[in-house]
């Protein structure tokens, strides 16, 4: 498995140009207080960055927080023409996935991202319309972590970003794939990992609301 020695390895020009803008956005307009930001540097890439999903700004928040140039898994419906394809796929590294059925090509692309030593950002809930935190956790996250033997780094974003109000995010300790039952992927193993993800996010939310 490839591993990057430098957590700020070279980014593409477009991605790099957006980072200063994101910094202004989340320091001035939507100011964030982030707990344990260094948690995104350890472990070093590759790993899965997993986060809850509240708003369309979530992906940009995570790209701002992470020192690595992220690859995202996003719904195919966001690709609505040549411009969005150029922007999201070519420049912002989004891997489109169909939520209506099994998307083998998208899963293969995700595995290749991890094989190449990158950080892949996934929203385990698969949608931002659920009423409860981690009400549903997609098993594809467990599949990726198991098949590629990578850890998962959880990031909890508290609510939707509010303009000119303090916003909160908490970065949790890495969820080590080695801590789960050894061996190949199974539905039983996936259920254990999904339950652990759900419990982890409940704990991170508790850190914010205390």
C-alpha atoms as a PDB file:
ATOM      1  CA  UNK A   1       0.000   0.000   0.000  1.00  0.00           C
ATOM      2  CA  UNK A   2       1.422   3.361  -0.997  1.00  0.00           C
ATOM      3  CA  UNK A   3       1.973   5.847   1.796  1.00  0.00           C
ATOM      4  CA  UNK A   4       2.715   9.536   1.558  1.00  0.00           C
ATOM      5  CA  UNK A   5       5.642  10.800   3.662  1.00  0.00           C
ATOM      6  CA  UNK A   6       4.533  14.408   3.350  1.00  0.00           C
ATOM      7  CA  UNK A   7       0.943  15.163   4.441  1.00  0.00           C
ATOM      8  CA  UNK A   8       0.904  18.193   2.148  1.00  0.00           C
ATOM      9  CA  UNK A   9       1.975  16.412  -1.020  1.00  0.00           C
ATOM     10  CA  UNK A  10       1.486  18.399  -4.274  1.00  0.00           C
ATOM     11  CA  UNK A  11      -2.084  19.243  -5.191  1.00  0.00           C
ATOM     12  CA  UNK A  12      -3.575  20.100  -8.543  1.00  0.00           C
ATOM     13  CA  UNK A  13      -3.618  23.810  -9.334  1.00  0.00           C
ATOM     14  CA  UNK A  14      -7.396  24.191  -9.273  1.00  0.00           C
ATOM     15  CA  UNK A  15      -7.736  22.402  -5.937  1.00  0.00           C
ATOM     16  CA  UNK A  16      -4.888  24.457  -4.469  1.00  0.00           C
ATOM     17  CA  UNK A  17      -6.500  27.702  -5.617  1.00  0.00           C
ATOM     18  CA  UNK A  18      -9.733  26.860  -3.827  1.00  0.00           C
ATOM     19  CA  UNK A  19      -8.113  26.176  -0.453  1.00  0.00           C
ATOM     20  CA  UNK A  20      -7.388  29.850   0.412  1.00  0.00           C
ATOM     21  CA  UNK A  21     -10.963  30.713  -0.535  1.00  0.00           C
ATOM     22  CA  UNK A  22     -12.250  27.916   1.673  1.00  0.00           C
ATOM     23  CA  UNK A  23     -10.045  29.170   4.502  1.00  0.00           C
ATOM     24  CA  UNK A  24     -11.641  32.627   4.299  1.00  0.00           C
ATOM     25  CA  UNK A  25     -15.091  31.091   4.060  1.00  0.00           C
ATOM     26  CA  UNK A  26     -14.695  28.945   7.193  1.00  0.00           C
ATOM     27  CA  UNK A  27     -12.698  31.410   9.263  1.00  0.00           C
ATOM     28  CA  UNK A  28     -14.714  34.540   8.537  1.00  0.00           C
ATOM     29  CA  UNK A  29     -18.175  33.812   7.143  1.00  0.00           C
ATOM     30  CA  UNK A  30     -18.837  30.395   8.685  1.00  0.00           C
ATOM     31  CA  UNK A  31     -16.236  30.359  11.491  1.00  0.00           C
ATOM     32  CA  UNK A  32     -15.416  26.853  12.680  1.00  0.00           C
ATOM     33  CA  UNK A  33     -14.014  25.683  15.975  1.00  0.00           C
ATOM     34  CA  UNK A  34     -12.296  22.389  15.209  1.00  0.00           C
ATOM     35  CA  UNK A  35     -11.245  19.937  17.902  1.00  0.00           C
ATOM     36  CA  UNK A  36      -8.258  17.644  17.225  1.00  0.00           C
ATOM     37  CA  UNK A  37      -7.539  18.926  13.728  1.00  0.00           C
ATOM     38  CA  UNK A  38      -4.211  17.104  13.816  1.00  0.00           C
ATOM     39  CA  UNK A  39      -6.189  13.875  13.808  1.00  0.00           C
ATOM     40  CA  UNK A  40      -6.397  14.129  10.020  1.00  0.00           C
ATOM     41  CA  UNK A  41      -2.607  13.880   9.714  1.00  0.00           C
ATOM     42  CA  UNK A  42      -2.354  10.603  11.609  1.00  0.00           C
ATOM     43  CA  UNK A  43      -2.590   8.018  10.276  1.00  0.00           C
ATOM     44  CA  UNK A  44      -0.920   9.083   7.083  1.00  0.00           C
ATOM     45  CA  UNK A  45      -2.614   8.410   3.777  1.00  0.00           C
ATOM     46  CA  UNK A  46      -4.174   6.240   2.561  1.00  0.00           C
ATOM     47  CA  UNK A  47      -7.259   6.181   4.764  1.00  0.00           C
ATOM     48  CA  UNK A  48     -11.012   6.656   4.639  1.00  0.00           C
ATOM     49  CA  UNK A  49     -12.295   9.982   5.910  1.00  0.00           C
ATOM     50  CA  UNK A  50     -15.879   9.383   7.047  1.00  0.00           C
ATOM     51  CA  UNK A  51     -18.266  12.153   8.056  1.00  0.00           C
ATOM     52  CA  UNK A  52     -21.909  12.827   8.763  1.00  0.00           C
ATOM     53  CA  UNK A  53     -23.769  14.764   6.099  1.00  0.00           C
ATOM     54  CA  UNK A  54     -25.817  17.866   6.934  1.00  0.00           C
ATOM     55  CA  UNK A  55     -25.395  20.321   4.073  1.00  0.00           C
ATOM     56  CA  UNK A  56     -23.925  20.935   0.638  1.00  0.00           C
ATOM     57  CA  UNK A  57     -20.990  22.673   2.332  1.00  0.00           C
ATOM     58  CA  UNK A  58     -19.819  19.523   4.118  1.00  0.00           C
ATOM     59  CA  UNK A  59     -17.472  18.385   1.355  1.00  0.00           C
ATOM     60  CA  UNK A  60     -15.856  21.816   1.202  1.00  0.00           C
ATOM     61  CA  UNK A  61     -15.434  21.874   4.994  1.00  0.00           C
ATOM     62  CA  UNK A  62     -13.652  18.520   4.867  1.00  0.00           C
ATOM     63  CA  UNK A  63     -11.433  19.587   1.966  1.00  0.00           C
ATOM     64  CA  UNK A  64     -10.434  22.637   4.012  1.00  0.00           C
ATOM     65  CA  UNK A  65      -9.706  20.603   7.137  1.00  0.00           C
ATOM     66  CA  UNK A  66      -7.717  17.803   5.566  1.00  0.00           C
ATOM     67  CA  UNK A  67      -4.054  18.395   4.638  1.00  0.00           C
ATOM     68  CA  UNK A  68      -4.380  15.821   1.862  1.00  0.00           C
ATOM     69  CA  UNK A  69      -6.041  16.401  -1.479  1.00  0.00           C
ATOM     70  CA  UNK A  70      -9.264  14.486  -1.041  1.00  0.00           C
ATOM     71  CA  UNK A  71     -11.103  12.226  -3.407  1.00  0.00           C
ATOM     72  CA  UNK A  72     -14.849  12.237  -2.841  1.00  0.00           C
ATOM     73  CA  UNK A  73     -17.643   9.770  -3.379  1.00  0.00           C
ATOM     74  CA  UNK A  74     -20.743  11.681  -4.496  1.00  0.00           C
ATOM     75  CA  UNK A  75     -24.126  11.023  -6.017  1.00  0.00           C
ATOM     76  CA  UNK A  76     -24.235  10.763  -9.803  1.00  0.00           C
ATOM     77  CA  UNK A  77     -27.167  13.188  -9.950  1.00  0.00           C
ATOM     78  CA  UNK A  78     -24.765  16.068  -9.278  1.00  0.00           C
ATOM     79  CA  UNK A  79     -23.310  15.611 -12.772  1.00  0.00           C
ATOM     80  CA  UNK A  80     -25.755  17.599 -14.877  1.00  0.00           C
ATOM     81  CA  UNK A  81     -23.678  18.594 -17.868  1.00  0.00           C
ATOM     82  CA  UNK A  82     -20.204  19.212 -19.211  1.00  0.00           C
ATOM     83  CA  UNK A  83     -19.397  21.996 -16.748  1.00  0.00           C
ATOM     84  CA  UNK A  84     -20.342  20.054 -13.613  1.00  0.00           C
ATOM     85  CA  UNK A  85     -18.519  17.017 -14.945  1.00  0.00           C
ATOM     86  CA  UNK A  86     -15.387  19.133 -15.533  1.00  0.00           C
ATOM     87  CA  UNK A  87     -15.656  20.793 -12.125  1.00  0.00           C
ATOM     88  CA  UNK A  88     -16.633  17.875  -9.909  1.00  0.00           C
ATOM     89  CA  UNK A  89     -14.948  14.913 -11.606  1.00  0.00           C
ATOM     90  CA  UNK A  90     -11.926  16.426 -13.304  1.00  0.00           C
ATOM     91  CA  UNK A  91     -10.989  19.187 -10.859  1.00  0.00           C
ATOM     92  CA  UNK A  92     -12.452  18.195  -7.492  1.00  0.00           C
ATOM     93  CA  UNK A  93     -11.882  14.433  -7.794  1.00  0.00           C
ATOM     94  CA  UNK A  94     -15.469  13.339  -7.208  1.00  0.00           C
ATOM     95  CA  UNK A  95     -16.287   9.718  -7.979  1.00  0.00           C
ATOM     96  CA  UNK A  96     -19.947   9.616  -9.070  1.00  0.00           C
ATOM     97  CA  UNK A  97     -22.017   6.767  -7.726  1.00  0.00           C
ATOM     98  CA  UNK A  98     -25.586   5.688  -8.387  1.00  0.00           C
ATOM     99  CA  UNK A  99     -27.561   5.317  -5.176  1.00  0.00           C
ATOM    100  CA  UNK A 100     -30.372   3.344  -6.795  1.00  0.00           C
ATOM    101  CA  UNK A 101     -28.383   0.160  -7.352  1.00  0.00           C
ATOM    102  CA  UNK A 102     -24.991  -1.449  -6.928  1.00  0.00           C
ATOM    103  CA  UNK A 103     -22.357   0.642  -8.719  1.00  0.00           C
ATOM    104  CA  UNK A 104     -19.423  -1.692  -9.297  1.00  0.00           C
ATOM    105  CA  UNK A 105     -17.453   0.826 -11.350  1.00  0.00           C
ATOM    106  CA  UNK A 106     -17.641   3.411  -8.575  1.00  0.00           C
ATOM    107  CA  UNK A 107     -16.465   0.905  -5.981  1.00  0.00           C
ATOM    108  CA  UNK A 108     -13.549  -0.087  -8.193  1.00  0.00           C
ATOM    109  CA  UNK A 109     -12.623   3.572  -8.599  1.00  0.00           C
ATOM    110  CA  UNK A 110     -12.726   4.018  -4.809  1.00  0.00           C
ATOM    111  CA  UNK A 111     -10.440   1.045  -4.291  1.00  0.00           C
ATOM    112  CA  UNK A 112      -7.997   2.401  -6.866  1.00  0.00           C
ATOM    113  CA  UNK A 113      -7.924   5.753  -5.037  1.00  0.00           C
ATOM    114  CA  UNK A 114      -6.872   3.985  -1.853  1.00  0.00           C
ATOM    115  CA  UNK A 115      -4.398   1.724  -3.668  1.00  0.00           C
ATOM    116  CA  UNK A 116      -2.718   4.845  -5.045  1.00  0.00           C
ATOM    117  CA  UNK A 117      -2.168   6.163  -1.521  1.00  0.00           C
ATOM    118  CA  UNK A 118      -4.852   8.843  -1.392  1.00  0.00           C
ATOM    119  CA  UNK A 119      -7.496   9.813   1.149  1.00  0.00           C
ATOM    120  CA  UNK A 120     -11.051   8.957   0.141  1.00  0.00           C
ATOM    121  CA  UNK A 121     -13.896  10.926   1.705  1.00  0.00           C
ATOM    122  CA  UNK A 122     -17.144   9.010   2.146  1.00  0.00           C
ATOM    123  CA  UNK A 123     -20.438   9.967   3.795  1.00  0.00           C
ATOM    124  CA  UNK A 124     -21.530   6.633   5.327  1.00  0.00           C
ATOM    125  CA  UNK A 125     -25.157   7.767   5.560  1.00  0.00           C
ATOM    126  CA  UNK A 126     -25.286   8.029   1.780  1.00  0.00           C
ATOM    127  CA  UNK A 127     -27.652  11.019   1.957  1.00  0.00           C
ATOM    128  CA  UNK A 128     -28.231  14.221   3.903  1.00  0.00           C
ATOM    129  CA  UNK A 129     -31.981  13.800   4.414  1.00  0.00           C
ATOM    130  CA  UNK A 130     -31.981  11.419   7.372  1.00  0.00           C
ATOM    131  CA  UNK A 131     -33.520  12.776  10.568  1.00  0.00           C
ATOM    132  CA  UNK A 132     -31.215  10.962  13.013  1.00  0.00           C
ATOM    133  CA  UNK A 133     -27.432  10.882  13.150  1.00  0.00           C
ATOM    134  CA  UNK A 134     -26.143   7.801  11.333  1.00  0.00           C
ATOM    135  CA  UNK A 135     -29.683   6.432  11.132  1.00  0.00           C
ATOM    136  CA  UNK A 136     -28.415   4.281   8.288  1.00  0.00           C
ATOM    137  CA  UNK A 137     -24.776   3.369   7.637  1.00  0.00           C
ATOM    138  CA  UNK A 138     -24.002   1.969   4.202  1.00  0.00           C
ATOM    139  CA  UNK A 139     -21.997  -1.279   4.245  1.00  0.00           C
ATOM    140  CA  UNK A 140     -19.855  -0.105   1.350  1.00  0.00           C
ATOM    141  CA  UNK A 141     -17.691   1.773   3.864  1.00  0.00           C
ATOM    142  CA  UNK A 142     -16.899  -1.478   5.673  1.00  0.00           C
ATOM    143  CA  UNK A 143     -16.219  -3.159   2.341  1.00  0.00           C
ATOM    144  CA  UNK A 144     -13.652  -0.526   1.326  1.00  0.00           C
ATOM    145  CA  UNK A 145     -11.897  -0.539   4.685  1.00  0.00           C
ATOM    146  CA  UNK A 146     -11.729  -4.347   4.759  1.00  0.00           C
ATOM    147  CA  UNK A 147     -10.672  -4.923   1.165  1.00  0.00           C
ATOM    148  CA  UNK A 148      -8.004  -2.202   1.151  1.00  0.00           C
ATOM    149  CA  UNK A 149      -6.967  -2.658   4.809  1.00  0.00           C
ATOM    150  CA  UNK A 150      -7.195   1.063   5.580  1.00  0.00           C
ATOM    151  CA  UNK A 151      -8.279   2.819   8.748  1.00  0.00           C
ATOM    152  CA  UNK A 152     -11.268   5.137   9.018  1.00  0.00           C
ATOM    153  CA  UNK A 153     -10.937   8.661  10.431  1.00  0.00           C
ATOM    154  CA  UNK A 154     -14.305  10.052  11.626  1.00  0.00           C
ATOM    155  CA  UNK A 155     -15.227  13.734  11.427  1.00  0.00           C
ATOM    156  CA  UNK A 156     -18.389  14.973  13.092  1.00  0.00           C
ATOM    157  CA  UNK A 157     -19.838  18.262  11.807  1.00  0.00           C
ATOM    158  CA  UNK A 158     -22.372  19.730  14.202  1.00  0.00           C
ATOM    159  CA  UNK A 159     -25.473  20.810  12.317  1.00  0.00           C
ATOM    160  CA  UNK A 160     -25.544  22.944   9.193  1.00  0.00           C
ATOM    161  CA  UNK A 161     -22.898  25.699   8.936  1.00  0.00           C
ATOM    162  CA  UNK A 162     -24.352  28.997  10.157  1.00  0.00           C
ATOM    163  CA  UNK A 163     -23.364  32.355   8.718  1.00  0.00           C
ATOM    164  CA  UNK A 164     -21.326  34.516  11.138  1.00  0.00           C
ATOM    165  CA  UNK A 165     -21.994  32.071  13.970  1.00  0.00           C
ATOM    166  CA  UNK A 166     -19.540  29.708  15.596  1.00  0.00           C
ATOM    167  CA  UNK A 167     -19.697  26.258  14.058  1.00  0.00           C
ATOM    168  CA  UNK A 168     -18.226  23.079  15.493  1.00  0.00           C
ATOM    169  CA  UNK A 169     -16.433  20.036  14.149  1.00  0.00           C
ATOM    170  CA  UNK A 170     -14.714  17.195  15.988  1.00  0.00           C
ATOM    171  CA  UNK A 171     -12.146  14.856  14.510  1.00  0.00           C
ATOM    172  CA  UNK A 172     -12.133  11.460  16.186  1.00  0.00           C
ATOM    173  CA  UNK A 173      -9.414   8.920  16.737  1.00  0.00           C
ATOM    174  CA  UNK A 174      -8.735   6.569  13.819  1.00  0.00           C
ATOM    175  CA  UNK A 175     -10.921   3.493  13.717  1.00  0.00           C
ATOM    176  CA  UNK A 176      -8.347   0.775  13.083  1.00  0.00           C
ATOM    177  CA  UNK A 177      -9.437  -1.884  10.628  1.00  0.00           C
ATOM    178  CA  UNK A 178      -7.215  -4.306  12.565  1.00  0.00           C
ATOM    179  CA  UNK A 179      -9.513  -3.937  15.592  1.00  0.00           C
ATOM    180  CA  UNK A 180     -12.352  -5.719  13.823  1.00  0.00           C
ATOM    181  CA  UNK A 181     -12.714  -9.465  13.153  1.00  0.00           C
ATOM    182  CA  UNK A 182      -9.884 -10.646  10.879  1.00  0.00           C
ATOM    183  CA  UNK A 183     -10.415 -12.231   7.521  1.00  0.00           C
ATOM    184  CA  UNK A 184     -12.348 -11.267   4.392  1.00  0.00           C
ATOM    185  CA  UNK A 185     -15.426  -9.095   4.166  1.00  0.00           C
ATOM    186  CA  UNK A 186     -18.690 -10.620   5.358  1.00  0.00           C
ATOM    187  CA  UNK A 187     -22.108  -9.132   6.100  1.00  0.00           C
ATOM    188  CA  UNK A 188     -21.631  -9.987   9.781  1.00  0.00           C
ATOM    189  CA  UNK A 189     -18.310  -8.143   9.886  1.00  0.00           C
ATOM    190  CA  UNK A 190     -19.876  -5.198   8.060  1.00  0.00           C
ATOM    191  CA  UNK A 191     -22.682  -5.025  10.635  1.00  0.00           C
ATOM    192  CA  UNK A 192     -20.115  -4.876  13.451  1.00  0.00           C
ATOM    193  CA  UNK A 193     -18.180  -2.108  11.721  1.00  0.00           C
ATOM    194  CA  UNK A 194     -21.306  -0.107  10.890  1.00  0.00           C
ATOM    195  CA  UNK A 195     -22.473  -0.315  14.508  1.00  0.00           C
ATOM    196  CA  UNK A 196     -19.041   0.900  15.615  1.00  0.00           C
ATOM    197  CA  UNK A 197     -19.257   3.849  13.203  1.00  0.00           C
ATOM    198  CA  UNK A 198     -22.665   4.780  14.556  1.00  0.00           C
ATOM    199  CA  UNK A 199     -21.480   4.622  18.181  1.00  0.00           C
ATOM    200  CA  UNK A 200     -18.377   6.649  17.365  1.00  0.00           C
ATOM    201  CA  UNK A 201     -20.405   9.494  15.907  1.00  0.00           C
ATOM    202  CA  UNK A 202     -22.740   9.496  18.897  1.00  0.00           C
ATOM    203  CA  UNK A 203     -19.695   9.949  21.135  1.00  0.00           C
ATOM    204  CA  UNK A 204     -18.284  12.745  18.969  1.00  0.00           C
ATOM    205  CA  UNK A 205     -21.626  14.533  19.053  1.00  0.00           C
ATOM    206  CA  UNK A 206     -21.606  14.228  22.829  1.00  0.00           C
ATOM    207  CA  UNK A 207     -18.260  16.025  22.915  1.00  0.00           C
ATOM    208  CA  UNK A 208     -19.831  19.009  21.152  1.00  0.00           C
ATOM    209  CA  UNK A 209     -23.010  19.203  23.211  1.00  0.00           C
ATOM    210  CA  UNK A 210     -21.306  18.951  26.609  1.00  0.00           C
END
